Amino acid sequence: MIPSIQKTYDIAGASAARNKVLRNTYWLLALSMVPTVIGAAVGMTVLPPTLMRGGMGFLLFMLVAFGFIAAINKTKDSAAGVGVLLGFTGFMGLMLAPLLTYTLHFSNGPALIAMAFGGTACVFAAMASIATVSRRDFSGLGSWLFAGVIVLLLAGVANIFLGLTVLHLVISVLAIGIFSAFILFDVQRIVNGGETNYITATLSIYLDVYNIFTSLLSLLGITAGSRD
């Protein structure tokens, strides 16, 4: 009887720990949106709209982004990790500015941004809910999703030089699908105890949400942008 009671307590303790990680992740994810918005506002004021065009802009973005990610992983077990993560989300806000500036050139630009935000919020809510309550194991998606990201990166680099609108549309659609599935994968890792650090958990989900938003906004700009 005693071992059974101990096992029950162990299960309850593990469940409470996982719920705490998930709760802290959601709080930090919400907080990370503040420097993102501030960074985007500053970027729209001071950065040139053509900043991210061309191979050099993309290379600079990747170098800084991966530098931040490495720093986050190094400091994830300390309070400094939160500060580094928020610094990263501020930088990502800066990098979002050229896309927002381009979108606002459309007469319905504010509506497109609102639609992209609302669509991203709906996708996140749906995928996170499924990951939390579903009994299906989504861990097998990991390798396929990683391969999908590599394909997206290669296609994105190629399209820097090709400049094909059709390819950009395809990349955006695929990115929305891939990063939506990544939300399933990343949230369920927390629920199942595979991810126990809320800072790195937030980083993963933030990147999922960020990529869905930018891809959806790009897609809306191409298909629904109006210059009237």
Foldseek 3Di string as FASTA:
>chain_A
DVVVVVVVVVVVVLQVLLVVLLVLLVVLLVVLVVLLQVLLVVLLVPPDLCQCADDVSVVVVVVVLVVLVVVLVVCLVDPVSSVSSSVSSNVVSNVCNSLLNVLVLFPCSVVLLVVLVVVLVVLLVVLLVCLQPPPDDLQVCVVVLVVLVVVLVVLVNVCSVVVDPVSLLVSLVSLLVSLSSQSSNLSNCSSVVVDSGSSVSSVSNSVSSSSSSSSSSSNCCVPPGHND
